[in-house]
Amino acid sequence: MSGVRISRQQWDGLLGELDMARRQRHLLTYRALLERLQLPTPAMQTLTAALEHLAAIDARAEQPLRSSLVISQGASRLPRTGFFECAERLGRFTGPVDGMEAASWHASEVARVFEHPYSEEA
């Protein structure tokens, strides 16, 4: 995990929160995750790096990106643009990172995450 200062316990906590959200078929905001995980400062960068690391793991395993379950609190109900840029680097998404294309790709990725049987040890 290049540059990610996150403990094993916090990483497991992140995976646990995402797994619970997936099973309950709901999304999490960055703020809610930050509050629950108590990440070291700068917390938002730490969370972003951890989510991007997880996206890379999911992409390598050819499974839907669990990090798509984390969204901004704003009206868009979408992840930050960095999520789409990361997905693009991983070869999962192409197009403008803010707009209908991104929104519809995100909605289908979330649906795929909800349906995917992730292995427990990932």
PDB file of N, CA and C in Angstrom:
ATOM      1  N   MET A   1       0.858  -1.186   0.000  1.00  0.00           N
ATOM      2  CA  MET A   1       0.000   0.000   0.000  1.00  0.00           C
ATOM      3  C   MET A   1       0.890   1.230   0.000  1.00  0.00           C
ATOM      4  N   SER A   2       1.179   1.737  -1.143  1.00  0.00           N
ATOM      5  CA  SER A   2       2.125   2.836  -1.216  1.00  0.00           C
ATOM      6  C   SER A   2       1.556   4.095  -0.570  1.00  0.00           C
ATOM      7  N   GLY A   3       2.260   4.566   0.437  1.00  0.00           N
ATOM      8  CA  GLY A   3       1.888   5.820   1.065  1.00  0.00           C
ATOM      9  C   GLY A   3       0.619   5.787   1.904  1.00  0.00           C
ATOM     10  N   VAL A   4       0.083   4.602   2.160  1.00  0.00           N
ATOM     11  CA  VAL A   4      -1.138   4.537   2.970  1.00  0.00           C
ATOM     12  C   VAL A   4      -0.745   4.217   4.404  1.00  0.00           C
ATOM     13  N   ARG A   5      -1.007   5.173   5.294  1.00  0.00           N
ATOM     14  CA  ARG A   5      -0.722   4.936   6.706  1.00  0.00           C
ATOM     15  C   ARG A   5      -2.021   4.530   7.375  1.00  0.00           C
ATOM     16  N   ILE A   6      -2.277   3.254   7.337  1.00  0.00           N
ATOM     17  CA  ILE A   6      -3.534   2.750   7.901  1.00  0.00           C
ATOM     18  C   ILE A   6      -3.212   1.424   8.577  1.00  0.00           C
ATOM     19  N   SER A   7      -3.743   1.230   9.767  1.00  0.00           N
ATOM     20  CA  SER A   7      -3.436  -0.001  10.505  1.00  0.00           C
ATOM     21  C   SER A   7      -4.255  -1.153   9.939  1.00  0.00           C
ATOM     22  N   ARG A   8      -3.825  -2.358  10.260  1.00  0.00           N
ATOM     23  CA  ARG A   8      -4.564  -3.552   9.832  1.00  0.00           C
ATOM     24  C   ARG A   8      -6.001  -3.480  10.359  1.00  0.00           C
ATOM     25  N   GLN A   9      -6.130  -2.998  11.590  1.00  0.00           N
ATOM     26  CA  GLN A   9      -7.452  -2.890  12.220  1.00  0.00           C
ATOM     27  C   GLN A   9      -8.343  -1.909  11.447  1.00  0.00           C
ATOM     28  N   GLN A  10      -7.762  -0.774  11.038  1.00  0.00           N
ATOM     29  CA  GLN A  10      -8.538   0.211  10.272  1.00  0.00           C
ATOM     30  C   GLN A  10      -8.886  -0.331   8.888  1.00  0.00           C
ATOM     31  N   TRP A  11      -7.945  -1.046   8.257  1.00  0.00           N
ATOM     32  CA  TRP A  11      -8.200  -1.660   6.944  1.00  0.00           C
ATOM     33  C   TRP A  11      -9.343  -2.669   7.066  1.00  0.00           C
ATOM     34  N   ASP A  12      -9.261  -3.523   8.100  1.00  0.00           N
ATOM     35  CA  ASP A  12     -10.331  -4.508   8.328  1.00  0.00           C
ATOM     36  C   ASP A  12     -11.650  -3.796   8.612  1.00  0.00           C
ATOM     37  N   GLY A  13     -11.586  -2.677   9.339  1.00  0.00           N
ATOM     38  CA  GLY A  13     -12.786  -1.888   9.625  1.00  0.00           C
ATOM     39  C   GLY A  13     -13.406  -1.350   8.349  1.00  0.00           C
ATOM     40  N   LEU A  14     -12.551  -0.855   7.441  1.00  0.00           N
ATOM     41  CA  LEU A  14     -13.025  -0.341   6.158  1.00  0.00           C
ATOM     42  C   LEU A  14     -13.709  -1.458   5.368  1.00  0.00           C
ATOM     43  N   LEU A  15     -13.055  -2.614   5.279  1.00  0.00           N
ATOM     44  CA  LEU A  15     -13.646  -3.739   4.542  1.00  0.00           C
ATOM     45  C   LEU A  15     -14.965  -4.164   5.180  1.00  0.00           C
ATOM     46  N   GLY A  16     -15.012  -4.142   6.504  1.00  0.00           N
ATOM     47  CA  GLY A  16     -16.230  -4.521   7.221  1.00  0.00           C
ATOM     48  C   GLY A  16     -17.379  -3.563   6.948  1.00  0.00           C
ATOM     49  N   GLU A  17     -17.079  -2.261   6.968  1.00  0.00           N
ATOM     50  CA  GLU A  17     -18.113  -1.254   6.685  1.00  0.00           C
ATOM     51  C   GLU A  17     -18.642  -1.414   5.259  1.00  0.00           C
ATOM     52  N   LEU A  18     -17.737  -1.615   4.300  1.00  0.00           N
ATOM     53  CA  LEU A  18     -18.155  -1.772   2.903  1.00  0.00           C
ATOM     54  C   LEU A  18     -18.961  -3.053   2.722  1.00  0.00           C
ATOM     55  N   ASP A  19     -18.559  -4.107   3.422  1.00  0.00           N
ATOM     56  CA  ASP A  19     -19.271  -5.380   3.299  1.00  0.00           C
ATOM     57  C   ASP A  19     -20.689  -5.262   3.866  1.00  0.00           C
ATOM     58  N   MET A  20     -20.811  -4.571   5.004  1.00  0.00           N
ATOM     59  CA  MET A  20     -22.131  -4.387   5.600  1.00  0.00           C
ATOM     60  C   MET A  20     -23.020  -3.544   4.682  1.00  0.00           C
ATOM     61  N   ALA A  21     -22.447  -2.478   4.128  1.00  0.00           N
ATOM     62  CA  ALA A  21     -23.205  -1.623   3.201  1.00  0.00           C
ATOM     63  C   ALA A  21     -23.657  -2.447   1.989  1.00  0.00           C
ATOM     64  N   ARG A  22     -22.758  -3.290   1.484  1.00  0.00           N
ATOM     65  CA  ARG A  22     -23.080  -4.112   0.312  1.00  0.00           C
ATOM     66  C   ARG A  22     -24.225  -5.072   0.624  1.00  0.00           C
ATOM     67  N   ARG A  23     -24.145  -5.727   1.783  1.00  0.00           N
ATOM     68  CA  ARG A  23     -25.199  -6.692   2.145  1.00  0.00           C
ATOM     69  C   ARG A  23     -26.531  -5.992   2.384  1.00  0.00           C
ATOM     70  N   GLN A  24     -26.483  -4.776   2.924  1.00  0.00           N
ATOM     71  CA  GLN A  24     -27.719  -4.022   3.181  1.00  0.00           C
ATOM     72  C   GLN A  24     -28.135  -3.200   1.966  1.00  0.00           C
ATOM     73  N   ARG A  25     -27.340  -3.287   0.910  1.00  0.00           N
ATOM     74  CA  ARG A  25     -27.612  -2.563  -0.334  1.00  0.00           C
ATOM     75  C   ARG A  25     -27.790  -1.069  -0.103  1.00  0.00           C
ATOM     76  N   HIS A  26     -26.823  -0.481   0.600  1.00  0.00           N
ATOM     77  CA  HIS A  26     -26.858   0.975   0.731  1.00  0.00           C
ATOM     78  C   HIS A  26     -25.461   1.546   0.561  1.00  0.00           C
ATOM     79  N   LEU A  27     -25.401   2.859   0.375  1.00  0.00           N
ATOM     80  CA  LEU A  27     -24.142   3.544   0.139  1.00  0.00           C
ATOM     81  C   LEU A  27     -23.691   4.249   1.409  1.00  0.00           C
ATOM     82  N   LEU A  28     -22.406   4.521   1.499  1.00  0.00           N
ATOM     83  CA  LEU A  28     -21.819   5.208   2.647  1.00  0.00           C
ATOM     84  C   LEU A  28     -21.247   6.545   2.193  1.00  0.00           C
ATOM     85  N   THR A  29     -21.308   7.548   3.048  1.00  0.00           N
ATOM     86  CA  THR A  29     -20.636   8.799   2.685  1.00  0.00           C
ATOM     87  C   THR A  29     -19.198   8.756   3.208  1.00  0.00           C
ATOM     88  N   TYR A  30     -18.336   9.545   2.563  1.00  0.00           N
ATOM     89  CA  TYR A  30     -16.962   9.645   3.032  1.00  0.00           C
ATOM     90  C   TYR A  30     -16.963  10.062   4.510  1.00  0.00           C
ATOM     91  N   ARG A  31     -17.823  11.029   4.851  1.00  0.00           N
ATOM     92  CA  ARG A  31     -17.852  11.536   6.230  1.00  0.00           C
ATOM     93  C   ARG A  31     -18.211  10.440   7.232  1.00  0.00           C
ATOM     94  N   ALA A  32     -19.226   9.638   6.899  1.00  0.00           N
ATOM     95  CA  ALA A  32     -19.621   8.560   7.808  1.00  0.00           C
ATOM     96  C   ALA A  32     -18.467   7.578   8.019  1.00  0.00           C
ATOM     97  N   LEU A  33     -17.770   7.246   6.947  1.00  0.00           N
ATOM     98  CA  LEU A  33     -16.630   6.328   7.060  1.00  0.00           C
ATOM     99  C   LEU A  33     -15.519   6.930   7.910  1.00  0.00           C
ATOM    100  N   LEU A  34     -15.240   8.210   7.672  1.00  0.00           N
ATOM    101  CA  LEU A  34     -14.187   8.877   8.453  1.00  0.00           C
ATOM    102  C   LEU A  34     -14.524   8.842   9.942  1.00  0.00           C
ATOM    103  N   GLU A  35     -15.796   9.093  10.272  1.00  0.00           N
ATOM    104  CA  GLU A  35     -16.199   9.091  11.680  1.00  0.00           C
ATOM    105  C   GLU A  35     -16.088   7.703  12.286  1.00  0.00           C
ATOM    106  N   ARG A  36     -16.488   6.684  11.529  1.00  0.00           N
ATOM    107  CA  ARG A  36     -16.477   5.314  12.064  1.00  0.00           C
ATOM    108  C   ARG A  36     -15.083   4.726  12.173  1.00  0.00           C
ATOM    109  N   LEU A  37     -14.208   5.059  11.231  1.00  0.00           N
ATOM    110  CA  LEU A  37     -12.892   4.415  11.188  1.00  0.00           C
ATOM    111  C   LEU A  37     -11.830   5.118  12.014  1.00  0.00           C
ATOM    112  N   GLN A  38     -12.083   6.386  12.381  1.00  0.00           N
ATOM    113  CA  GLN A  38     -11.109   7.142  13.189  1.00  0.00           C
ATOM    114  C   GLN A  38      -9.708   7.083  12.570  1.00  0.00           C
ATOM    115  N   LEU A  39      -9.606   7.465  11.298  1.00  0.00           N
ATOM    116  CA  LEU A  39      -8.326   7.399  10.600  1.00  0.00           C
ATOM    117  C   LEU A  39      -7.393   8.514  11.045  1.00  0.00           C
ATOM    118  N   PRO A  40      -6.092   8.277  10.954  1.00  0.00           N
ATOM    119  CA  PRO A  40      -5.130   9.326  11.316  1.00  0.00           C
ATOM    120  C   PRO A  40      -5.195  10.470  10.302  1.00  0.00           C
ATOM    121  N   THR A  41      -4.849  11.672  10.744  1.00  0.00           N
ATOM    122  CA  THR A  41      -4.851  12.809   9.819  1.00  0.00           C
ATOM    123  C   THR A  41      -3.624  12.716   8.911  1.00  0.00           C
ATOM    124  N   PRO A  42      -3.720  13.172   7.682  1.00  0.00           N
ATOM    125  CA  PRO A  42      -4.920  13.747   7.066  1.00  0.00           C
ATOM    126  C   PRO A  42      -5.903  12.643   6.684  1.00  0.00           C
ATOM    127  N   ALA A  43      -7.008  12.579   7.395  1.00  0.00           N
ATOM    128  CA  ALA A  43      -7.915  11.434   7.299  1.00  0.00           C
ATOM    129  C   ALA A  43      -8.501  11.238   5.900  1.00  0.00           C
ATOM    130  N   MET A  44      -8.889  12.329   5.244  1.00  0.00           N
ATOM    131  CA  MET A  44      -9.509  12.186   3.929  1.00  0.00           C
ATOM    132  C   MET A  44      -8.512  11.601   2.922  1.00  0.00           C
ATOM    133  N   GLN A  45      -7.252  12.080   2.965  1.00  0.00           N
ATOM    134  CA  GLN A  45      -6.248  11.516   2.053  1.00  0.00           C
ATOM    135  C   GLN A  45      -5.986  10.049   2.375  1.00  0.00           C
ATOM    136  N   THR A  46      -5.975   9.726   3.660  1.00  0.00           N
ATOM    137  CA  THR A  46      -5.750   8.341   4.072  1.00  0.00           C
ATOM    138  C   THR A  46      -6.874   7.461   3.555  1.00  0.00           C
ATOM    139  N   LEU A  47      -8.123   7.922   3.721  1.00  0.00           N
ATOM    140  CA  LEU A  47      -9.273   7.153   3.247  1.00  0.00           C
ATOM    141  C   LEU A  47      -9.229   7.012   1.727  1.00  0.00           C
ATOM    142  N   THR A  48      -8.935   8.104   1.031  1.00  0.00           N
ATOM    143  CA  THR A  48      -8.869   8.065  -0.431  1.00  0.00           C
ATOM    144  C   THR A  48      -7.820   7.053  -0.892  1.00  0.00           C
ATOM    145  N   ALA A  49      -6.644   7.094  -0.271  1.00  0.00           N
ATOM    146  CA  ALA A  49      -5.569   6.171  -0.648  1.00  0.00           C
ATOM    147  C   ALA A  49      -5.978   4.725  -0.384  1.00  0.00           C
ATOM    148  N   ALA A  50      -6.646   4.493   0.744  1.00  0.00           N
ATOM    149  CA  ALA A  50      -7.092   3.132   1.070  1.00  0.00           C
ATOM    150  C   ALA A  50      -8.149   2.647   0.071  1.00  0.00           C
ATOM    151  N   LEU A  51      -9.081   3.540  -0.299  1.00  0.00           N
ATOM    152  CA  LEU A  51     -10.120   3.164  -1.269  1.00  0.00           C
ATOM    153  C   LEU A  51      -9.515   2.905  -2.646  1.00  0.00           C
ATOM    154  N   GLU A  52      -8.499   3.685  -3.022  1.00  0.00           N
ATOM    155  CA  GLU A  52      -7.849   3.466  -4.311  1.00  0.00           C
ATOM    156  C   GLU A  52      -7.060   2.161  -4.299  1.00  0.00           C
ATOM    157  N   HIS A  53      -6.443   1.847  -3.165  1.00  0.00           N
ATOM    158  CA  HIS A  53      -5.735   0.578  -3.019  1.00  0.00           C
ATOM    159  C   HIS A  53      -6.721  -0.589  -3.167  1.00  0.00           C
ATOM    160  N   LEU A  54      -7.871  -0.465  -2.515  1.00  0.00           N
ATOM    161  CA  LEU A  54      -8.901  -1.502  -2.607  1.00  0.00           C
ATOM    162  C   LEU A  54      -9.412  -1.631  -4.049  1.00  0.00           C
ATOM    163  N   ALA A  55      -9.578  -0.495  -4.726  1.00  0.00           N
ATOM    164  CA  ALA A  55     -10.030  -0.533  -6.125  1.00  0.00           C
ATOM    165  C   ALA A  55      -9.036  -1.305  -6.985  1.00  0.00           C
ATOM    166  N   ALA A  56      -7.739  -1.095  -6.734  1.00  0.00           N
ATOM    167  CA  ALA A  56      -6.708  -1.805  -7.493  1.00  0.00           C
ATOM    168  C   ALA A  56      -6.785  -3.314  -7.211  1.00  0.00           C
ATOM    169  N   ILE A  57      -7.017  -3.678  -5.958  1.00  0.00           N
ATOM    170  CA  ILE A  57      -7.161  -5.098  -5.590  1.00  0.00           C
ATOM    171  C   ILE A  57      -8.369  -5.698  -6.318  1.00  0.00           C
ATOM    172  N   ASP A  58      -9.498  -4.995  -6.279  1.00  0.00           N
ATOM    173  CA  ASP A  58     -10.715  -5.484  -6.941  1.00  0.00           C
ATOM    174  C   ASP A  58     -10.508  -5.598  -8.452  1.00  0.00           C
ATOM    175  N   ALA A  59      -9.849  -4.596  -9.042  1.00  0.00           N
ATOM    176  CA  ALA A  59      -9.624  -4.621 -10.493  1.00  0.00           C
ATOM    177  C   ALA A  59      -8.742  -5.813 -10.872  1.00  0.00           C
ATOM    178  N   ARG A  60      -7.689  -6.052 -10.075  1.00  0.00           N
ATOM    179  CA  ARG A  60      -6.810  -7.191 -10.351  1.00  0.00           C
ATOM    180  C   ARG A  60      -7.564  -8.506 -10.273  1.00  0.00           C
ATOM    181  N   ALA A  61      -8.512  -8.569  -9.332  1.00  0.00           N
ATOM    182  CA  ALA A  61      -9.302  -9.797  -9.151  1.00  0.00           C
ATOM    183  C   ALA A  61     -10.482  -9.855 -10.123  1.00  0.00           C
ATOM    184  N   GLU A  62     -10.568  -8.838 -11.002  1.00  0.00           N
ATOM    185  CA  GLU A  62     -11.647  -8.756 -11.986  1.00  0.00           C
ATOM    186  C   GLU A  62     -13.029  -8.795 -11.343  1.00  0.00           C
ATOM    187  N   GLN A  63     -13.158  -8.048 -10.248  1.00  0.00           N
ATOM    188  CA  GLN A  63     -14.465  -7.933  -9.607  1.00  0.00           C
ATOM    189  C   GLN A  63     -14.871  -6.464  -9.520  1.00  0.00           C
ATOM    190  N   PRO A  64     -16.173  -6.215  -9.312  1.00  0.00           N
ATOM    191  CA  PRO A  64     -16.643  -4.821  -9.233  1.00  0.00           C
ATOM    192  C   PRO A  64     -15.938  -4.061  -8.107  1.00  0.00           C
ATOM    193  N   LEU A  65     -15.793  -2.766  -8.281  1.00  0.00           N
ATOM    194  CA  LEU A  65     -15.054  -1.929  -7.332  1.00  0.00           C
ATOM    195  C   LEU A  65     -15.904  -1.594  -6.107  1.00  0.00           C
ATOM    196  N   ARG A  66     -15.534  -2.176  -4.966  1.00  0.00           N
ATOM    197  CA  ARG A  66     -16.278  -1.914  -3.725  1.00  0.00           C
ATOM    198  C   ARG A  66     -16.199  -0.453  -3.320  1.00  0.00           C
ATOM    199  N   SER A  67     -15.149   0.241  -3.746  1.00  0.00           N
ATOM    200  CA  SER A  67     -15.022   1.653  -3.382  1.00  0.00           C
ATOM    201  C   SER A  67     -16.131   2.496  -4.005  1.00  0.00           C
ATOM    202  N   SER A  68     -16.862   1.938  -4.974  1.00  0.00           N
ATOM    203  CA  SER A  68     -17.987   2.684  -5.572  1.00  0.00           C
ATOM    204  C   SER A  68     -19.121   2.903  -4.572  1.00  0.00           C
ATOM    205  N   LEU A  69     -19.103   2.178  -3.452  1.00  0.00           N
ATOM    206  CA  LEU A  69     -20.159   2.332  -2.442  1.00  0.00           C
ATOM    207  C   LEU A  69     -19.980   3.593  -1.595  1.00  0.00           C
ATOM    208  N   VAL A  70     -18.848   4.271  -1.749  1.00  0.00           N
ATOM    209  CA  VAL A  70     -18.571   5.461  -0.941  1.00  0.00           C
ATOM    210  C   VAL A  70     -18.824   6.705  -1.791  1.00  0.00           C
ATOM    211  N   ILE A  71     -19.714   7.560  -1.293  1.00  0.00           N
ATOM    212  CA  ILE A  71     -20.140   8.730  -2.073  1.00  0.00           C
ATOM    213  C   ILE A  71     -20.029  10.014  -1.257  1.00  0.00           C
ATOM    214  N   SER A  72     -20.081  11.133  -1.962  1.00  0.00           N
ATOM    215  CA  SER A  72     -20.089  12.445  -1.308  1.00  0.00           C
ATOM    216  C   SER A  72     -21.471  12.720  -0.731  1.00  0.00           C
ATOM    217  N   GLN A  73     -21.517  13.631   0.235  1.00  0.00           N
ATOM    218  CA  GLN A  73     -22.803  13.973   0.840  1.00  0.00           C
ATOM    219  C   GLN A  73     -23.632  14.882  -0.043  1.00  0.00           C
ATOM    220  N   GLY A  74     -23.001  15.468  -1.036  1.00  0.00           N
ATOM    221  CA  GLY A  74     -23.695  16.442  -1.873  1.00  0.00           C
ATOM    222  C   GLY A  74     -24.879  15.857  -2.620  1.00  0.00           C
ATOM    223  N   ALA A  75     -25.551  16.718  -3.326  1.00  0.00           N
ATOM    224  CA  ALA A  75     -26.765  16.337  -4.047  1.00  0.00           C
ATOM    225  C   ALA A  75     -26.506  15.279  -5.112  1.00  0.00           C
ATOM    226  N   SER A  76     -25.276  15.227  -5.629  1.00  0.00           N
ATOM    227  CA  SER A  76     -24.989  14.300  -6.732  1.00  0.00           C
ATOM    228  C   SER A  76     -25.116  12.834  -6.305  1.00  0.00           C
ATOM    229  N   ARG A  77     -24.846  12.536  -5.021  1.00  0.00           N
ATOM    230  CA  ARG A  77     -24.839  11.162  -4.520  1.00  0.00           C
ATOM    231  C   ARG A  77     -23.844  10.300  -5.308  1.00  0.00           C
ATOM    232  N   LEU A  78     -22.752  10.939  -5.731  1.00  0.00           N
ATOM    233  CA  LEU A  78     -21.694  10.243  -6.465  1.00  0.00           C
ATOM    234  C   LEU A  78     -20.396  10.310  -5.679  1.00  0.00           C
ATOM    235  N   PRO A  79     -19.462   9.410  -6.001  1.00  0.00           N
ATOM    236  CA  PRO A  79     -18.126   9.536  -5.400  1.00  0.00           C
ATOM    237  C   PRO A  79     -17.448  10.815  -5.907  1.00  0.00           C
ATOM    238  N   ARG A  80     -16.356  11.179  -5.270  1.00  0.00           N
ATOM    239  CA  ARG A  80     -15.560  12.320  -5.732  1.00  0.00           C
ATOM    240  C   ARG A  80     -14.964  12.007  -7.098  1.00  0.00           C
ATOM    241  N   THR A  81     -14.561  13.053  -7.807  1.00  0.00           N
ATOM    242  CA  THR A  81     -14.006  12.835  -9.150  1.00  0.00           C
ATOM    243  C   THR A  81     -12.777  11.930  -9.117  1.00  0.00           C
ATOM    244  N   GLY A  82     -12.025  11.962  -8.024  1.00  0.00           N
ATOM    245  CA  GLY A  82     -10.849  11.090  -7.901  1.00  0.00           C
ATOM    246  C   GLY A  82     -11.184   9.615  -8.053  1.00  0.00           C
ATOM    247  N   PHE A  83     -12.387   9.223  -7.624  1.00  0.00           N
ATOM    248  CA  PHE A  83     -12.808   7.817  -7.783  1.00  0.00           C
ATOM    249  C   PHE A  83     -12.879   7.462  -9.264  1.00  0.00           C
ATOM    250  N   PHE A  84     -13.469   8.360 -10.055  1.00  0.00           N
ATOM    251  CA  PHE A  84     -13.614   8.086 -11.486  1.00  0.00           C
ATOM    252  C   PHE A  84     -12.251   8.106 -12.187  1.00  0.00           C
ATOM    253  N   GLU A  85     -11.366   9.011 -11.729  1.00  0.00           N
ATOM    254  CA  GLU A  85     -10.014   9.057 -12.292  1.00  0.00           C
ATOM    255  C   GLU A  85      -9.271   7.767 -11.981  1.00  0.00           C
ATOM    256  N   CYS A  86      -9.443   7.261 -10.766  1.00  0.00           N
ATOM    257  CA  CYS A  86      -8.834   5.987 -10.373  1.00  0.00           C
ATOM    258  C   CYS A  86      -9.406   4.848 -11.224  1.00  0.00           C
ATOM    259  N   ALA A  87     -10.720   4.822 -11.393  1.00  0.00           N
ATOM    260  CA  ALA A  87     -11.372   3.778 -12.197  1.00  0.00           C
ATOM    261  C   ALA A  87     -10.877   3.828 -13.641  1.00  0.00           C
ATOM    262  N   GLU A  88     -10.617   5.041 -14.112  1.00  0.00           N
ATOM    263  CA  GLU A  88     -10.102   5.205 -15.473  1.00  0.00           C
ATOM    264  C   GLU A  88      -8.683   4.647 -15.573  1.00  0.00           C
ATOM    265  N   ARG A  89      -7.837   4.948 -14.576  1.00  0.00           N
ATOM    266  CA  ARG A  89      -6.466   4.407 -14.554  1.00  0.00           C
ATOM    267  C   ARG A  89      -6.487   2.885 -14.528  1.00  0.00           C
ATOM    268  N   LEU A  90      -7.489   2.315 -13.878  1.00  0.00           N
ATOM    269  CA  LEU A  90      -7.600   0.858 -13.773  1.00  0.00           C
ATOM    270  C   LEU A  90      -8.271   0.238 -15.002  1.00  0.00           C
ATOM    271  N   GLY A  91      -8.651   1.092 -15.966  1.00  0.00           N
ATOM    272  CA  GLY A  91      -9.263   0.582 -17.187  1.00  0.00           C
ATOM    273  C   GLY A  91     -10.723   0.207 -17.043  1.00  0.00           C
ATOM    274  N   ARG A  92     -11.382   0.722 -16.010  1.00  0.00           N
ATOM    275  CA  ARG A  92     -12.783   0.380 -15.759  1.00  0.00           C
ATOM    276  C   ARG A  92     -13.771   1.396 -16.307  1.00  0.00           C
ATOM    277  N   PHE A  93     -13.320   2.636 -16.450  1.00  0.00           N
ATOM    278  CA  PHE A  93     -14.237   3.708 -16.835  1.00  0.00           C
ATOM    279  C   PHE A  93     -13.539   4.630 -17.826  1.00  0.00           C
ATOM    280  N   THR A  94     -14.279   5.089 -18.827  1.00  0.00           N
ATOM    281  CA  THR A  94     -13.741   6.128 -19.705  1.00  0.00           C
ATOM    282  C   THR A  94     -14.819   7.173 -19.916  1.00  0.00           C
ATOM    283  N   GLY A  95     -14.390   8.409 -19.997  1.00  0.00           N
ATOM    284  CA  GLY A  95     -15.341   9.487 -20.230  1.00  0.00           C
ATOM    285  C   GLY A  95     -15.136  10.610 -19.238  1.00  0.00           C
ATOM    286  N   PRO A  96     -15.978  11.652 -19.341  1.00  0.00           N
ATOM    287  CA  PRO A  96     -15.869  12.769 -18.406  1.00  0.00           C
ATOM    288  C   PRO A  96     -16.198  12.293 -16.994  1.00  0.00           C
ATOM    289  N   VAL A  97     -15.421  12.792 -16.004  1.00  0.00           N
ATOM    290  CA  VAL A  97     -15.610  12.322 -14.628  1.00  0.00           C
ATOM    291  C   VAL A  97     -16.775  13.004 -13.922  1.00  0.00           C
ATOM    292  N   ASP A  98     -17.396  13.961 -14.574  1.00  0.00           N
ATOM    293  CA  ASP A  98     -18.566  14.597 -13.962  1.00  0.00           C
ATOM    294  C   ASP A  98     -19.626  14.756 -15.043  1.00  0.00           C
ATOM    295  N   GLY A  99     -20.667  14.005 -14.947  1.00  0.00           N
ATOM    296  CA  GLY A  99     -21.712  14.084 -15.957  1.00  0.00           C
ATOM    297  C   GLY A  99     -22.534  12.812 -15.980  1.00  0.00           C
ATOM    298  N   MET A 100     -23.428  12.751 -16.932  1.00  0.00           N
ATOM    299  CA  MET A 100     -24.362  11.623 -17.007  1.00  0.00           C
ATOM    300  C   MET A 100     -23.651  10.291 -17.212  1.00  0.00           C
ATOM    301  N   GLU A 101     -22.584  10.306 -18.015  1.00  0.00           N
ATOM    302  CA  GLU A 101     -21.857   9.074 -18.284  1.00  0.00           C
ATOM    303  C   GLU A 101     -21.273   8.491 -16.994  1.00  0.00           C
ATOM    304  N   ALA A 102     -20.648   9.359 -16.210  1.00  0.00           N
ATOM    305  CA  ALA A 102     -20.069   8.934 -14.934  1.00  0.00           C
ATOM    306  C   ALA A 102     -21.168   8.444 -13.996  1.00  0.00           C
ATOM    307  N   ALA A 103     -22.272   9.179 -13.939  1.00  0.00           N
ATOM    308  CA  ALA A 103     -23.383   8.809 -13.041  1.00  0.00           C
ATOM    309  C   ALA A 103     -23.963   7.450 -13.430  1.00  0.00           C
ATOM    310  N   SER A 104     -24.138   7.219 -14.724  1.00  0.00           N
ATOM    311  CA  SER A 104     -24.758   5.950 -15.104  1.00  0.00           C
ATOM    312  C   SER A 104     -23.775   4.799 -14.945  1.00  0.00           C
ATOM    313  N   TRP A 105     -22.480   5.036 -15.213  1.00  0.00           N
ATOM    314  CA  TRP A 105     -21.483   3.979 -14.967  1.00  0.00           C
ATOM    315  C   TRP A 105     -21.439   3.650 -13.472  1.00  0.00           C
ATOM    316  N   HIS A 106     -21.475   4.685 -12.635  1.00  0.00           N
ATOM    317  CA  HIS A 106     -21.438   4.467 -11.186  1.00  0.00           C
ATOM    318  C   HIS A 106     -22.642   3.644 -10.726  1.00  0.00           C
ATOM    319  N   ALA A 107     -23.829   3.975 -11.229  1.00  0.00           N
ATOM    320  CA  ALA A 107     -25.043   3.236 -10.834  1.00  0.00           C
ATOM    321  C   ALA A 107     -24.924   1.755 -11.215  1.00  0.00           C
ATOM    322  N   SER A 108     -24.386   1.469 -12.396  1.00  0.00           N
ATOM    323  CA  SER A 108     -24.278   0.062 -12.791  1.00  0.00           C
ATOM    324  C   SER A 108     -23.175  -0.643 -12.004  1.00  0.00           C
ATOM    325  N   GLU A 109     -22.091   0.084 -11.660  1.00  0.00           N
ATOM    326  CA  GLU A 109     -21.019  -0.517 -10.863  1.00  0.00           C
ATOM    327  C   GLU A 109     -21.532  -0.860  -9.462  1.00  0.00           C
ATOM    328  N   VAL A 110     -22.312   0.051  -8.869  1.00  0.00           N
ATOM    329  CA  VAL A 110     -22.902  -0.217  -7.543  1.00  0.00           C
ATOM    330  C   VAL A 110     -23.791  -1.457  -7.612  1.00  0.00           C
ATOM    331  N   ALA A 111     -24.618  -1.557  -8.647  1.00  0.00           N
ATOM    332  CA  ALA A 111     -25.495  -2.731  -8.797  1.00  0.00           C
ATOM    333  C   ALA A 111     -24.661  -4.007  -8.900  1.00  0.00           C
ATOM    334  N   ARG A 112     -23.533  -3.943  -9.614  1.00  0.00           N
ATOM    335  CA  ARG A 112     -22.660  -5.109  -9.744  1.00  0.00           C
ATOM    336  C   ARG A 112     -22.028  -5.464  -8.400  1.00  0.00           C
ATOM    337  N   VAL A 113     -21.640  -4.460  -7.617  1.00  0.00           N
ATOM    338  CA  VAL A 113     -21.067  -4.709  -6.285  1.00  0.00           C
ATOM    339  C   VAL A 113     -22.098  -5.422  -5.411  1.00  0.00           C
ATOM    340  N   PHE A 114     -23.357  -4.942  -5.452  1.00  0.00           N
ATOM    341  CA  PHE A 114     -24.409  -5.549  -4.631  1.00  0.00           C
ATOM    342  C   PHE A 114     -24.609  -7.023  -4.983  1.00  0.00           C
ATOM    343  N   GLU A 115     -24.414  -7.381  -6.248  1.00  0.00           N
ATOM    344  CA  GLU A 115     -24.656  -8.763  -6.705  1.00  0.00           C
ATOM    345  C   GLU A 115     -23.446  -9.674  -6.549  1.00  0.00           C
ATOM    346  N   HIS A 116     -22.254  -9.113  -6.432  1.00  0.00           N
ATOM    347  CA  HIS A 116     -21.032  -9.919  -6.476  1.00  0.00           C
ATOM    348  C   HIS A 116     -20.749 -10.632  -5.157  1.00  0.00           C
ATOM    349  N   PRO A 117     -20.448 -11.930  -5.228  1.00  0.00           N
ATOM    350  CA  PRO A 117     -20.095 -12.658  -3.986  1.00  0.00           C
ATOM    351  C   PRO A 117     -18.600 -12.515  -3.697  1.00  0.00           C
ATOM    352  N   TYR A 118     -18.227 -11.520  -2.918  1.00  0.00           N
ATOM    353  CA  TYR A 118     -16.796 -11.329  -2.577  1.00  0.00           C
ATOM    354  C   TYR A 118     -16.380 -12.415  -1.599  1.00  0.00           C
ATOM    355  N   SER A 119     -15.142 -12.863  -1.742  1.00  0.00           N
ATOM    356  CA  SER A 119     -14.648 -13.859  -0.776  1.00  0.00           C
ATOM    357  C   SER A 119     -14.332 -13.150   0.530  1.00  0.00           C
ATOM    358  N   GLU A 120     -14.480 -13.857   1.613  1.00  0.00           N
ATOM    359  CA  GLU A 120     -14.342 -13.242   2.940  1.00  0.00           C
ATOM    360  C   GLU A 120     -12.933 -12.742   3.221  1.00  0.00           C
ATOM    361  N   GLU A 121     -11.912 -13.400   2.665  1.00  0.00           N
ATOM    362  CA  GLU A 121     -10.548 -13.057   3.064  1.00  0.00           C
ATOM    363  C   GLU A 121      -9.969 -11.892   2.278  1.00  0.00           C
ATOM    364  N   ALA A 122     -10.669 -11.410   1.251  1.00  0.00           N
ATOM    365  CA  ALA A 122     -10.097 -10.357   0.379  1.00  0.00           C
ATOM    366  C   ALA A 122      -9.816  -9.085   1.149  1.00  0.00           C
TER     367      ALA A 122
END
